[in-house]
Amino acid sequence: MDVLSLLKQQGSARLTEVAEHLGLTRQGALRHLEALQASGLVEVTQAQPTGPGRPVHVYRLTAAAGDAFPSGHRQLAVELVDFMESTELERFFALRAERLEREYAGRLAGLDFKERVRELARLTREGGHMTEVVERTDGSLQLRHCNCPIQDVAALAGHPCRQEQILYERLLGATVERSTWAGSGDPTCTYDITNNTDERKELG
């Protein structure tokens, strides 16, 4: 599942990237990929290298791989959006965010900023997201969601994402902005996180 999650998050990966992600040799990673190819979950194409050299193999998920990820909720979610008025949906997801805040707050208490972000990522994974924490070159952090459990509702109504963003800001005490969105065709939903405490220290 680690390989499938990587390919779902990135869209594609080279053998070296898969090996690094799994902590294996190239040969070990290749055995995993060949098994997934034999199962019809992964396909391989060739791409030109960025520098001199021969074309490299690039691995992607097949259409059949979608069945490997939790998705049974999606038809029900679409029916929910069709049935409920916009104001009802907004209230529902606001109440959901309040419940999650009460549940998560105690588990984040006492942690420093980076620890809070990483623990929040772990908690969202428990809730159905495939979430990774990305540390950018400037030191800022991102939460990157894949396989969002409420993606279809978000694409139709937008309410879940707004409430999710507000929830993350309250829990982290940070500015949170969405820079990619699965609803627009991107494979991930990415939230950029700015630590407001650090900004106040710099200004002081």
C-alpha atoms as a PDB file:
ATOM      1  CA  MET A   1       0.000   0.000   0.000  1.00  0.00           C
ATOM      2  CA  ASP A   2       2.960   2.343   0.578  1.00  0.00           C
ATOM      3  CA  VAL A   3       3.836   2.247  -3.127  1.00  0.00           C
ATOM      4  CA  LEU A   4       0.223   2.827  -4.180  1.00  0.00           C
ATOM      5  CA  SER A   5      -0.061   5.749  -1.764  1.00  0.00           C
ATOM      6  CA  LEU A   6       3.142   7.304  -3.117  1.00  0.00           C
ATOM      7  CA  LEU A   7       1.935   7.043  -6.709  1.00  0.00           C
ATOM      8  CA  LYS A   8      -1.490   8.422  -5.801  1.00  0.00           C
ATOM      9  CA  GLN A   9       0.089  11.389  -4.032  1.00  0.00           C
ATOM     10  CA  GLN A  10       2.683  12.192  -6.716  1.00  0.00           C
ATOM     11  CA  GLY A  11       0.916  10.985  -9.838  1.00  0.00           C
ATOM     12  CA  SER A  12       4.037   9.116 -10.971  1.00  0.00           C
ATOM     13  CA  ALA A  13       7.462   8.120  -9.686  1.00  0.00           C
ATOM     14  CA  ARG A  14      10.758   6.755 -10.944  1.00  0.00           C
ATOM     15  CA  LEU A  15      12.267   3.558  -9.562  1.00  0.00           C
ATOM     16  CA  THR A  16      14.799   5.542  -7.518  1.00  0.00           C
ATOM     17  CA  GLU A  17      12.024   7.560  -5.864  1.00  0.00           C
ATOM     18  CA  VAL A  18      10.077   4.418  -4.991  1.00  0.00           C
ATOM     19  CA  ALA A  19      13.208   2.800  -3.542  1.00  0.00           C
ATOM     20  CA  GLU A  20      13.930   5.863  -1.382  1.00  0.00           C
ATOM     21  CA  HIS A  21      10.318   6.008  -0.188  1.00  0.00           C
ATOM     22  CA  LEU A  22      10.369   2.346   0.854  1.00  0.00           C
ATOM     23  CA  GLY A  23      13.916   2.415   2.235  1.00  0.00           C
ATOM     24  CA  LEU A  24      14.891  -0.437  -0.105  1.00  0.00           C
ATOM     25  CA  THR A  25      17.465  -1.080  -2.792  1.00  0.00           C
ATOM     26  CA  ARG A  26      16.418  -0.445  -6.397  1.00  0.00           C
ATOM     27  CA  GLN A  27      16.180  -4.211  -6.899  1.00  0.00           C
ATOM     28  CA  GLY A  28      13.946  -4.595  -3.848  1.00  0.00           C
ATOM     29  CA  ALA A  29      11.667  -1.766  -4.971  1.00  0.00           C
ATOM     30  CA  LEU A  30      11.536  -3.251  -8.472  1.00  0.00           C
ATOM     31  CA  ARG A  31      10.198  -6.541  -7.087  1.00  0.00           C
ATOM     32  CA  HIS A  32       7.363  -4.627  -5.374  1.00  0.00           C
ATOM     33  CA  LEU A  33       6.561  -2.746  -8.580  1.00  0.00           C
ATOM     34  CA  GLU A  34       6.625  -5.896 -10.712  1.00  0.00           C
ATOM     35  CA  ALA A  35       4.177  -7.573  -8.324  1.00  0.00           C
ATOM     36  CA  LEU A  36       1.832  -4.557  -8.561  1.00  0.00           C
ATOM     37  CA  GLN A  37       2.152  -4.595 -12.371  1.00  0.00           C
ATOM     38  CA  ALA A  38       1.234  -8.283 -12.409  1.00  0.00           C
ATOM     39  CA  SER A  39      -1.831  -7.443 -10.305  1.00  0.00           C
ATOM     40  CA  GLY A  40      -2.864  -4.765 -12.803  1.00  0.00           C
ATOM     41  CA  LEU A  41      -2.486  -1.911 -10.310  1.00  0.00           C
ATOM     42  CA  VAL A  42       0.613  -0.216 -11.718  1.00  0.00           C
ATOM     43  CA  GLU A  43       1.758   0.538 -15.259  1.00  0.00           C
ATOM     44  CA  VAL A  44       5.158   1.618 -16.518  1.00  0.00           C
ATOM     45  CA  THR A  45       6.114   4.022 -19.295  1.00  0.00           C
ATOM     46  CA  GLN A  46       9.369   5.539 -20.459  1.00  0.00           C
ATOM     47  CA  ALA A  47      10.327   9.178 -20.021  1.00  0.00           C
ATOM     48  CA  GLN A  48      13.323  11.138 -21.225  1.00  0.00           C
ATOM     49  CA  PRO A  49      15.868  11.861 -18.484  1.00  0.00           C
ATOM     50  CA  THR A  50      16.463  15.436 -17.357  1.00  0.00           C
ATOM     51  CA  GLY A  51      20.135  15.111 -18.353  1.00  0.00           C
ATOM     52  CA  PRO A  52      22.228  12.879 -20.604  1.00  0.00           C
ATOM     53  CA  GLY A  53      21.400   9.193 -20.551  1.00  0.00           C
ATOM     54  CA  ARG A  54      18.861   6.626 -21.521  1.00  0.00           C
ATOM     55  CA  PRO A  55      15.093   6.976 -21.020  1.00  0.00           C
ATOM     56  CA  VAL A  56      13.951   6.048 -17.505  1.00  0.00           C
ATOM     57  CA  HIS A  57      10.979   4.002 -16.361  1.00  0.00           C
ATOM     58  CA  VAL A  58       8.137   5.957 -14.789  1.00  0.00           C
ATOM     59  CA  TYR A  59       5.455   4.173 -12.769  1.00  0.00           C
ATOM     60  CA  ARG A  60       1.804   5.230 -12.484  1.00  0.00           C
ATOM     61  CA  LEU A  61      -1.407   3.798 -11.081  1.00  0.00           C
ATOM     62  CA  THR A  62      -3.827   2.120 -13.450  1.00  0.00           C
ATOM     63  CA  ALA A  63      -7.537   2.874 -13.440  1.00  0.00           C
ATOM     64  CA  ALA A  64      -8.075  -0.410 -11.591  1.00  0.00           C
ATOM     65  CA  ALA A  65      -5.928   0.819  -8.689  1.00  0.00           C
ATOM     66  CA  GLY A  66      -8.727   3.128  -7.588  1.00  0.00           C
ATOM     67  CA  ASP A  67     -10.457   0.123  -6.038  1.00  0.00           C
ATOM     68  CA  ALA A  68      -7.493  -0.269  -3.653  1.00  0.00           C
ATOM     69  CA  PHE A  69      -8.403   2.964  -1.855  1.00  0.00           C
ATOM     70  CA  PRO A  70     -11.406   3.553   0.404  1.00  0.00           C
ATOM     71  CA  SER A  71     -14.211   5.045  -1.702  1.00  0.00           C
ATOM     72  CA  GLY A  72     -17.488   3.393  -0.718  1.00  0.00           C
ATOM     73  CA  HIS A  73     -18.633   6.569   1.001  1.00  0.00           C
ATOM     74  CA  ARG A  74     -18.642   8.643  -2.158  1.00  0.00           C
ATOM     75  CA  GLN A  75     -22.046   7.799  -3.637  1.00  0.00           C
ATOM     76  CA  LEU A  76     -23.659   8.449  -0.264  1.00  0.00           C
ATOM     77  CA  ALA A  77     -21.817  11.766  -0.020  1.00  0.00           C
ATOM     78  CA  VAL A  78     -23.134  12.895  -3.408  1.00  0.00           C
ATOM     79  CA  GLU A  79     -26.674  11.964  -2.389  1.00  0.00           C
ATOM     80  CA  LEU A  80     -26.225  13.939   0.830  1.00  0.00           C
ATOM     81  CA  VAL A  81     -25.278  17.077  -1.096  1.00  0.00           C
ATOM     82  CA  ASP A  82     -28.233  16.677  -3.452  1.00  0.00           C
ATOM     83  CA  PHE A  83     -30.656  16.265  -0.551  1.00  0.00           C
ATOM     84  CA  MET A  84     -29.507  19.013   1.846  1.00  0.00           C
ATOM     85  CA  GLU A  85     -29.813  22.752   1.425  1.00  0.00           C
ATOM     86  CA  SER A  86     -26.583  24.757   1.271  1.00  0.00           C
ATOM     87  CA  THR A  87     -27.182  26.318   4.692  1.00  0.00           C
ATOM     88  CA  GLU A  88     -27.751  22.860   6.204  1.00  0.00           C
ATOM     89  CA  LEU A  89     -24.506  21.592   4.699  1.00  0.00           C
ATOM     90  CA  GLU A  90     -22.612  24.612   6.009  1.00  0.00           C
ATOM     91  CA  ARG A  91     -23.995  24.040   9.509  1.00  0.00           C
ATOM     92  CA  PHE A  92     -23.273  20.307   9.345  1.00  0.00           C
ATOM     93  CA  PHE A  93     -19.599  20.788   8.470  1.00  0.00           C
ATOM     94  CA  ALA A  94     -19.199  23.612  10.982  1.00  0.00           C
ATOM     95  CA  LEU A  95     -20.496  21.290  13.724  1.00  0.00           C
ATOM     96  CA  ARG A  96     -18.245  18.521  12.432  1.00  0.00           C
ATOM     97  CA  ALA A  97     -15.224  20.838  12.650  1.00  0.00           C
ATOM     98  CA  GLU A  98     -16.155  21.795  16.216  1.00  0.00           C
ATOM     99  CA  ARG A  99     -16.377  18.121  17.189  1.00  0.00           C
ATOM    100  CA  LEU A 100     -12.996  17.360  15.607  1.00  0.00           C
ATOM    101  CA  GLU A 101     -11.451  20.374  17.332  1.00  0.00           C
ATOM    102  CA  ARG A 102     -12.590  19.088  20.737  1.00  0.00           C
ATOM    103  CA  GLU A 103     -11.295  15.626  19.893  1.00  0.00           C
ATOM    104  CA  TYR A 104      -7.920  16.758  18.532  1.00  0.00           C
ATOM    105  CA  ALA A 105      -7.096  19.651  20.860  1.00  0.00           C
ATOM    106  CA  GLY A 106      -6.177  17.479  23.831  1.00  0.00           C
ATOM    107  CA  ARG A 107      -3.884  15.344  21.703  1.00  0.00           C
ATOM    108  CA  LEU A 108      -2.030  18.413  20.414  1.00  0.00           C
ATOM    109  CA  ALA A 109      -1.702  20.119  23.806  1.00  0.00           C
ATOM    110  CA  GLY A 110       1.854  20.628  25.031  1.00  0.00           C
ATOM    111  CA  LEU A 111       3.484  19.956  21.645  1.00  0.00           C
ATOM    112  CA  ASP A 112       5.675  22.472  19.839  1.00  0.00           C
ATOM    113  CA  PHE A 113       4.610  23.799  16.452  1.00  0.00           C
ATOM    114  CA  LYS A 114       6.196  21.128  14.224  1.00  0.00           C
ATOM    115  CA  GLU A 115       5.062  18.370  16.562  1.00  0.00           C
ATOM    116  CA  ARG A 116       1.488  19.736  16.376  1.00  0.00           C
ATOM    117  CA  VAL A 117       1.569  19.690  12.577  1.00  0.00           C
ATOM    118  CA  ARG A 118       2.878  16.122  12.497  1.00  0.00           C
ATOM    119  CA  GLU A 119       0.380  14.916  15.095  1.00  0.00           C
ATOM    120  CA  LEU A 120      -2.456  16.620  13.203  1.00  0.00           C
ATOM    121  CA  ALA A 121      -1.342  14.788  10.049  1.00  0.00           C
ATOM    122  CA  ARG A 122      -1.466  11.507  11.940  1.00  0.00           C
ATOM    123  CA  LEU A 123      -4.945  12.282  13.272  1.00  0.00           C
ATOM    124  CA  THR A 124      -6.257  13.088   9.795  1.00  0.00           C
ATOM    125  CA  ARG A 125      -4.842   9.785   8.546  1.00  0.00           C
ATOM    126  CA  GLU A 126      -6.961   8.083  11.196  1.00  0.00           C
ATOM    127  CA  GLY A 127      -9.940   9.949   9.718  1.00  0.00           C
ATOM    128  CA  GLY A 128      -9.410   8.602   6.194  1.00  0.00           C
ATOM    129  CA  HIS A 129      -7.022  11.085   4.597  1.00  0.00           C
ATOM    130  CA  MET A 130      -3.672   9.995   3.235  1.00  0.00           C
ATOM    131  CA  THR A 131      -1.720  12.886   4.727  1.00  0.00           C
ATOM    132  CA  GLU A 132       1.957  13.763   4.598  1.00  0.00           C
ATOM    133  CA  VAL A 133       3.854  16.679   6.107  1.00  0.00           C
ATOM    134  CA  VAL A 134       6.084  18.467   3.608  1.00  0.00           C
ATOM    135  CA  GLU A 135       8.904  20.684   4.859  1.00  0.00           C
ATOM    136  CA  ARG A 136       9.797  23.244   2.214  1.00  0.00           C
ATOM    137  CA  THR A 137      13.208  24.763   1.585  1.00  0.00           C
ATOM    138  CA  ASP A 138      12.236  27.980   3.399  1.00  0.00           C
ATOM    139  CA  GLY A 139      11.428  25.960   6.525  1.00  0.00           C
ATOM    140  CA  SER A 140       7.657  26.356   6.247  1.00  0.00           C
ATOM    141  CA  LEU A 141       5.383  23.336   6.382  1.00  0.00           C
ATOM    142  CA  GLN A 142       2.573  21.942   4.288  1.00  0.00           C
ATOM    143  CA  LEU A 143      -0.121  19.389   5.013  1.00  0.00           C
ATOM    144  CA  ARG A 144      -0.766  17.443   1.822  1.00  0.00           C
ATOM    145  CA  HIS A 145      -3.937  15.327   1.638  1.00  0.00           C
ATOM    146  CA  CYS A 146      -4.557  12.527  -0.814  1.00  0.00           C
ATOM    147  CA  ASN A 147      -7.663  10.327  -1.115  1.00  0.00           C
ATOM    148  CA  CYS A 148      -9.799  12.882   0.691  1.00  0.00           C
ATOM    149  CA  PRO A 149     -12.779  11.101   2.304  1.00  0.00           C
ATOM    150  CA  ILE A 150     -15.053  14.080   1.580  1.00  0.00           C
ATOM    151  CA  GLN A 151     -13.677  15.087  -1.835  1.00  0.00           C
ATOM    152  CA  ASP A 152     -16.941  14.678  -3.746  1.00  0.00           C
ATOM    153  CA  VAL A 153     -18.875  16.823  -1.281  1.00  0.00           C
ATOM    154  CA  ALA A 154     -16.098  19.414  -1.319  1.00  0.00           C
ATOM    155  CA  ALA A 155     -16.116  19.566  -5.116  1.00  0.00           C
ATOM    156  CA  LEU A 156     -19.877  20.121  -5.204  1.00  0.00           C
ATOM    157  CA  ALA A 157     -20.312  22.473  -2.247  1.00  0.00           C
ATOM    158  CA  GLY A 158     -16.956  23.721  -0.958  1.00  0.00           C
ATOM    159  CA  HIS A 159     -18.126  23.738   2.671  1.00  0.00           C
ATOM    160  CA  PRO A 160     -15.878  20.949   3.993  1.00  0.00           C
ATOM    161  CA  CYS A 161     -12.679  22.573   2.768  1.00  0.00           C
ATOM    162  CA  ARG A 162     -13.505  25.966   4.282  1.00  0.00           C
ATOM    163  CA  GLN A 163     -14.302  24.385   7.632  1.00  0.00           C
ATOM    164  CA  GLU A 164     -11.223  22.149   7.443  1.00  0.00           C
ATOM    165  CA  GLN A 165      -9.002  25.164   6.814  1.00  0.00           C
ATOM    166  CA  ILE A 166     -10.517  27.064   9.757  1.00  0.00           C
ATOM    167  CA  LEU A 167     -10.142  23.974  11.955  1.00  0.00           C
ATOM    168  CA  TYR A 168      -6.432  23.665  11.136  1.00  0.00           C
ATOM    169  CA  GLU A 169      -5.844  27.366  11.836  1.00  0.00           C
ATOM    170  CA  ARG A 170      -7.449  27.095  15.272  1.00  0.00           C
ATOM    171  CA  LEU A 171      -5.628  23.898  16.222  1.00  0.00           C
ATOM    172  CA  LEU A 172      -2.212  25.071  15.042  1.00  0.00           C
ATOM    173  CA  GLY A 173      -2.451  28.768  15.911  1.00  0.00           C
ATOM    174  CA  ALA A 174      -1.208  29.419  12.393  1.00  0.00           C
ATOM    175  CA  THR A 175      -2.205  30.930   9.070  1.00  0.00           C
ATOM    176  CA  VAL A 176      -3.371  28.139   6.765  1.00  0.00           C
ATOM    177  CA  GLU A 177      -3.918  28.608   3.028  1.00  0.00           C
ATOM    178  CA  ARG A 178      -4.834  26.011   0.415  1.00  0.00           C
ATOM    179  CA  SER A 179      -2.478  25.976  -2.579  1.00  0.00           C
ATOM    180  CA  THR A 180      -3.717  22.870  -4.443  1.00  0.00           C
ATOM    181  CA  TRP A 181      -7.141  21.251  -4.540  1.00  0.00           C
ATOM    182  CA  ALA A 182      -8.199  17.784  -5.661  1.00  0.00           C
ATOM    183  CA  GLY A 183     -11.540  19.223  -6.794  1.00  0.00           C
ATOM    184  CA  SER A 184      -9.774  21.124  -9.591  1.00  0.00           C
ATOM    185  CA  GLY A 185      -8.035  18.037 -10.956  1.00  0.00           C
ATOM    186  CA  ASP A 186      -4.900  18.116  -8.798  1.00  0.00           C
ATOM    187  CA  PRO A 187      -4.049  14.754  -7.184  1.00  0.00           C
ATOM    188  CA  THR A 188      -3.758  16.377  -3.758  1.00  0.00           C
ATOM    189  CA  CYS A 189      -5.193  19.054  -1.487  1.00  0.00           C
ATOM    190  CA  THR A 190      -2.299  21.042  -0.025  1.00  0.00           C
ATOM    191  CA  TYR A 191      -2.470  23.449   2.907  1.00  0.00           C
ATOM    192  CA  ASP A 192       0.416  25.921   3.364  1.00  0.00           C
ATOM    193  CA  ILE A 193       1.040  26.635   7.051  1.00  0.00           C
ATOM    194  CA  THR A 194       2.639  29.813   8.414  1.00  0.00           C
ATOM    195  CA  ASN A 195       3.669  29.781  12.066  1.00  0.00           C
ATOM    196  CA  ASN A 196       2.345  33.093  13.403  1.00  0.00           C
ATOM    197  CA  THR A 197       4.369  32.740  16.604  1.00  0.00           C
ATOM    198  CA  ASP A 198       7.609  32.840  14.608  1.00  0.00           C
ATOM    199  CA  GLU A 199       6.404  35.956  12.759  1.00  0.00           C
ATOM    200  CA  ARG A 200       5.701  37.744  16.046  1.00  0.00           C
ATOM    201  CA  LYS A 201       9.161  36.843  17.325  1.00  0.00           C
ATOM    202  CA  GLU A 202      10.776  38.308  14.205  1.00  0.00           C
ATOM    203  CA  LEU A 203       8.755  41.510  14.518  1.00  0.00           C
ATOM    204  CA  GLY A 204       9.678  41.771  18.188  1.00  0.00           C
END
